[in-house]
N, C-alpha and C. Protein backbone atom coordinates (compact mmCIF):
# COMPACT_ATOMS: atom_id res chain seq x y z
N MET A 1 -2.54 -90.81 -2.98
CA MET A 1 -2.03 -89.62 -3.68
C MET A 1 -3.21 -89.42 -4.68
N VAL A 2 -3.05 -87.99 -4.83
CA VAL A 2 -4.05 -86.73 -5.44
C VAL A 2 -4.42 -86.95 -6.94
N ASN A 3 -5.12 -86.77 -7.32
CA ASN A 3 -5.31 -86.60 -8.85
C ASN A 3 -5.67 -84.80 -9.19
N MET A 4 -4.97 -84.94 -10.13
CA MET A 4 -5.28 -83.49 -10.54
C MET A 4 -5.37 -83.16 -12.37
N THR A 5 -6.25 -82.36 -12.56
CA THR A 5 -6.54 -81.87 -13.71
C THR A 5 -6.26 -81.04 -14.45
N LEU A 6 -5.66 -81.16 -15.60
CA LEU A 6 -4.38 -80.34 -16.22
C LEU A 6 -5.02 -79.92 -18.01
N ALA A 7 -5.38 -78.17 -17.96
CA ALA A 7 -5.81 -77.69 -18.70
C ALA A 7 -4.86 -77.35 -19.82
N LEU A 8 -4.88 -77.98 -21.39
CA LEU A 8 -3.38 -77.27 -22.29
C LEU A 8 -3.83 -76.93 -23.39
N PRO A 9 -3.12 -76.39 -23.89
CA PRO A 9 -3.91 -75.77 -25.70
C PRO A 9 -3.95 -76.88 -26.21
N GLU A 10 -5.13 -77.03 -27.16
CA GLU A 10 -4.37 -77.64 -28.25
C GLU A 10 -3.54 -78.50 -29.03
N ASP A 11 -2.53 -77.55 -29.29
CA ASP A 11 -1.42 -77.63 -30.09
C ASP A 11 -0.36 -78.44 -28.66
N ILE A 12 -0.36 -77.93 -27.85
CA ILE A 12 0.75 -78.72 -27.18
C ILE A 12 0.41 -80.44 -26.91
N HIS A 13 -1.34 -80.40 -26.91
CA HIS A 13 -1.32 -81.83 -26.53
C HIS A 13 -1.24 -82.65 -27.68
N ASN A 14 -1.53 -82.03 -29.01
CA ASN A 14 -0.94 -83.10 -30.26
C ASN A 14 -0.12 -83.11 -30.39
N LYS A 15 1.15 -82.25 -29.74
CA LYS A 15 2.35 -82.57 -30.13
C LYS A 15 2.68 -83.64 -28.87
N MET A 16 2.52 -83.34 -27.87
CA MET A 16 2.62 -84.60 -26.49
C MET A 16 2.04 -85.54 -27.42
N LYS A 17 0.76 -86.24 -27.97
CA LYS A 17 0.49 -87.13 -28.39
C LYS A 17 1.35 -87.90 -29.37
N HIS A 18 2.56 -87.13 -30.06
CA HIS A 18 3.78 -87.37 -31.20
C HIS A 18 4.19 -88.30 -30.67
N PHE A 19 4.59 -88.00 -28.97
CA PHE A 19 5.29 -88.76 -28.13
C PHE A 19 5.00 -89.52 -27.09
N SER A 20 4.16 -90.35 -27.89
CA SER A 20 3.25 -90.97 -26.81
C SER A 20 3.58 -92.32 -25.66
N GLU A 21 5.19 -92.34 -26.23
CA GLU A 21 5.95 -92.97 -25.22
C GLU A 21 6.64 -92.79 -24.09
N ILE A 22 6.82 -91.37 -24.09
CA ILE A 22 6.33 -90.45 -22.96
C ILE A 22 5.32 -90.36 -21.91
N LYS A 23 5.95 -90.84 -20.26
CA LYS A 23 5.12 -90.67 -19.59
C LYS A 23 5.08 -89.07 -18.94
N TRP A 24 3.56 -88.69 -19.55
CA TRP A 24 3.74 -87.00 -19.52
C TRP A 24 3.32 -86.82 -17.76
N THR A 25 2.22 -87.64 -16.98
CA THR A 25 2.39 -87.29 -15.53
C THR A 25 3.81 -87.10 -14.75
N GLU A 26 4.48 -87.99 -15.03
CA GLU A 26 5.90 -88.19 -14.70
C GLU A 26 6.76 -86.75 -15.15
N VAL A 27 6.43 -85.98 -16.33
CA VAL A 27 6.78 -85.11 -16.63
C VAL A 27 6.66 -83.76 -15.34
N ALA A 28 5.16 -84.08 -15.96
CA ALA A 28 4.45 -82.51 -14.40
C ALA A 28 4.41 -82.60 -13.68
N ARG A 29 4.76 -84.13 -12.80
CA ARG A 29 5.08 -84.23 -11.53
C ARG A 29 6.33 -83.98 -11.30
N LYS A 30 7.69 -83.97 -12.17
CA LYS A 30 8.74 -83.58 -11.49
C LYS A 30 8.97 -82.26 -11.72
N ALA A 31 8.70 -81.80 -12.52
CA ALA A 31 8.61 -79.93 -12.88
C ALA A 31 7.96 -79.74 -12.14
N ILE A 32 6.84 -80.45 -11.39
CA ILE A 32 5.98 -79.73 -9.99
C ILE A 32 7.25 -79.37 -8.57
N GLU A 33 7.60 -80.88 -8.64
CA GLU A 33 8.90 -81.01 -7.68
C GLU A 33 9.78 -79.81 -7.47
N ASN A 34 10.25 -79.77 -9.06
CA ASN A 34 11.73 -78.80 -9.07
C ASN A 34 11.19 -77.66 -8.49
N LYS A 35 9.89 -76.71 -9.56
CA LYS A 35 9.05 -75.83 -9.03
C LYS A 35 9.37 -75.44 -7.08
N LEU A 36 8.66 -76.40 -6.69
CA LEU A 36 8.83 -76.35 -5.38
C LEU A 36 9.88 -76.31 -4.55
N LYS A 37 10.95 -76.60 -4.96
CA LYS A 37 12.39 -76.88 -4.02
C LYS A 37 12.54 -75.72 -4.83
N ASP A 38 12.52 -75.39 -5.27
CA ASP A 38 13.08 -73.69 -6.29
C ASP A 38 12.61 -72.79 -5.09
N LEU A 39 11.34 -72.68 -4.90
CA LEU A 39 10.41 -72.07 -4.12
C LEU A 39 10.61 -71.56 -2.91
N GLU A 40 10.80 -73.04 -1.84
CA GLU A 40 11.08 -73.48 -0.87
C GLU A 40 12.68 -72.92 -0.55
N MET A 41 13.48 -73.02 -1.33
CA MET A 41 14.87 -72.19 -1.02
C MET A 41 14.51 -71.01 -1.02
N LEU A 42 14.07 -70.34 -2.21
CA LEU A 42 13.62 -68.71 -1.89
C LEU A 42 13.23 -68.46 -0.52
N GLU A 43 11.97 -68.89 -0.17
CA GLU A 43 11.67 -68.70 1.03
C GLU A 43 12.42 -68.31 2.15
N LYS A 44 13.39 -69.56 2.07
CA LYS A 44 14.56 -69.37 3.05
C LYS A 44 15.70 -68.71 2.82
N LEU A 45 15.94 -68.52 2.05
CA LEU A 45 16.83 -66.95 1.46
C LEU A 45 16.36 -65.72 1.87
N VAL A 46 14.98 -65.23 1.43
CA VAL A 46 14.14 -64.31 1.84
C VAL A 46 13.68 -64.05 3.03
N SER A 47 13.68 -64.93 3.92
CA SER A 47 13.34 -64.89 5.32
C SER A 47 14.56 -64.47 6.43
N LYS A 48 15.64 -64.79 5.44
CA LYS A 48 16.85 -64.02 6.24
C LYS A 48 17.19 -62.60 5.78
N SER A 49 16.87 -62.52 4.96
CA SER A 49 17.03 -61.42 3.99
C SER A 49 16.49 -59.65 5.05
N LYS A 50 17.55 -58.60 5.22
CA LYS A 50 16.92 -57.35 5.56
C LYS A 50 16.38 -56.77 5.08
N LEU A 51 16.39 -56.91 3.73
CA LEU A 51 16.19 -56.16 2.98
C LEU A 51 14.38 -55.68 2.33
N THR A 52 13.93 -54.28 2.31
CA THR A 52 12.72 -53.57 3.01
C THR A 52 12.14 -54.00 0.99
N GLN A 53 11.07 -53.90 1.26
CA GLN A 53 9.92 -54.08 0.17
C GLN A 53 10.66 -52.78 -0.99
N LYS A 54 11.04 -52.19 -0.64
CA LYS A 54 11.63 -50.61 -1.32
C LYS A 54 12.71 -51.24 -1.71
N ASP A 55 13.63 -51.74 -1.07
CA ASP A 55 14.93 -51.75 -1.34
C ASP A 55 14.91 -52.67 -2.35
N VAL A 56 14.00 -54.00 -2.64
CA VAL A 56 13.93 -54.86 -3.64
C VAL A 56 13.40 -54.38 -4.98
N GLU A 57 12.41 -53.05 -5.08
CA GLU A 57 12.46 -52.88 -6.28
C GLU A 57 12.92 -51.69 -6.65
N GLU A 58 13.39 -51.65 -6.03
CA GLU A 58 14.77 -50.68 -6.64
C GLU A 58 15.54 -51.05 -7.75
N PHE A 59 16.17 -52.73 -6.46
CA PHE A 59 16.92 -53.47 -7.20
C PHE A 59 16.33 -54.04 -8.76
N GLY A 60 14.89 -53.96 -8.56
CA GLY A 60 14.62 -54.60 -9.34
C GLY A 60 14.51 -53.98 -10.96
N ARG A 61 14.27 -52.25 -10.64
CA ARG A 61 14.32 -51.33 -11.58
C ARG A 61 15.50 -51.26 -12.31
N LYS A 62 16.77 -51.38 -11.09
CA LYS A 62 18.19 -51.25 -11.72
C LYS A 62 18.13 -52.16 -12.65
N ILE A 63 18.10 -53.53 -12.44
CA ILE A 63 18.30 -54.55 -13.03
C ILE A 63 17.28 -54.66 -14.34
N LYS A 64 16.15 -54.33 -14.46
CA LYS A 64 15.55 -54.03 -15.52
C LYS A 64 16.36 -52.85 -16.41
N GLN A 65 16.54 -52.10 -15.94
CA GLN A 65 17.35 -50.89 -16.80
C GLN A 65 18.98 -51.22 -17.55
N GLU A 66 19.16 -51.98 -16.38
CA GLU A 66 20.92 -52.87 -17.31
C GLU A 66 20.64 -53.69 -18.37
N ALA A 67 19.65 -54.51 -18.10
CA ALA A 67 18.92 -55.71 -18.97
C ALA A 67 18.45 -55.19 -20.08
N ALA A 68 17.60 -53.63 -20.35
CA ALA A 68 17.38 -53.03 -21.28
C ALA A 68 18.52 -52.43 -21.77
N LYS A 69 19.60 -52.02 -21.90
CA LYS A 69 20.77 -51.36 -22.02
C LYS A 69 21.15 -52.45 -22.75
N LYS A 70 21.83 -53.52 -22.03
CA LYS A 70 22.15 -54.43 -22.88
C LYS A 70 21.80 -54.98 -24.22
N PHE A 71 20.36 -55.33 -24.13
CA PHE A 71 19.78 -55.78 -24.76
C PHE A 71 19.76 -54.66 -25.64
N MET A 72 19.62 -53.63 -25.99
CA MET A 72 19.99 -52.94 -27.13
C MET A 72 20.72 -52.36 -27.61
N GLN A 73 22.17 -53.05 -26.80
CA GLN A 73 23.34 -52.72 -27.99
C GLN A 73 23.54 -54.05 -28.77
N ILE A 74 22.87 -54.98 -28.65
CA ILE A 74 22.95 -56.30 -29.64
C ILE A 74 22.33 -56.25 -30.62
C-alpha cells in the first residue's frame, strides 16, 4: 500500500483530535474511493455523449441563470 501525506488547516486537525477514536485514514481512504467511483462513472457517461464543448458551456450558463433566479426568489 502507498502512503500519502495530507496537509490540513490547524482548526480541522484540532477538531479531528477531539474525535480520536475515529480512524481518520479510513475516512480519507473511503472518501477518495467514492470520489474515484463518481469520476469513473462521469467519465463513462461523457465518453458516450455527443455534446460539444460549446453545448456543455451553454447548458452550464443556462443552469447558472436559472439557479440564480431561484436563489433571488428565496
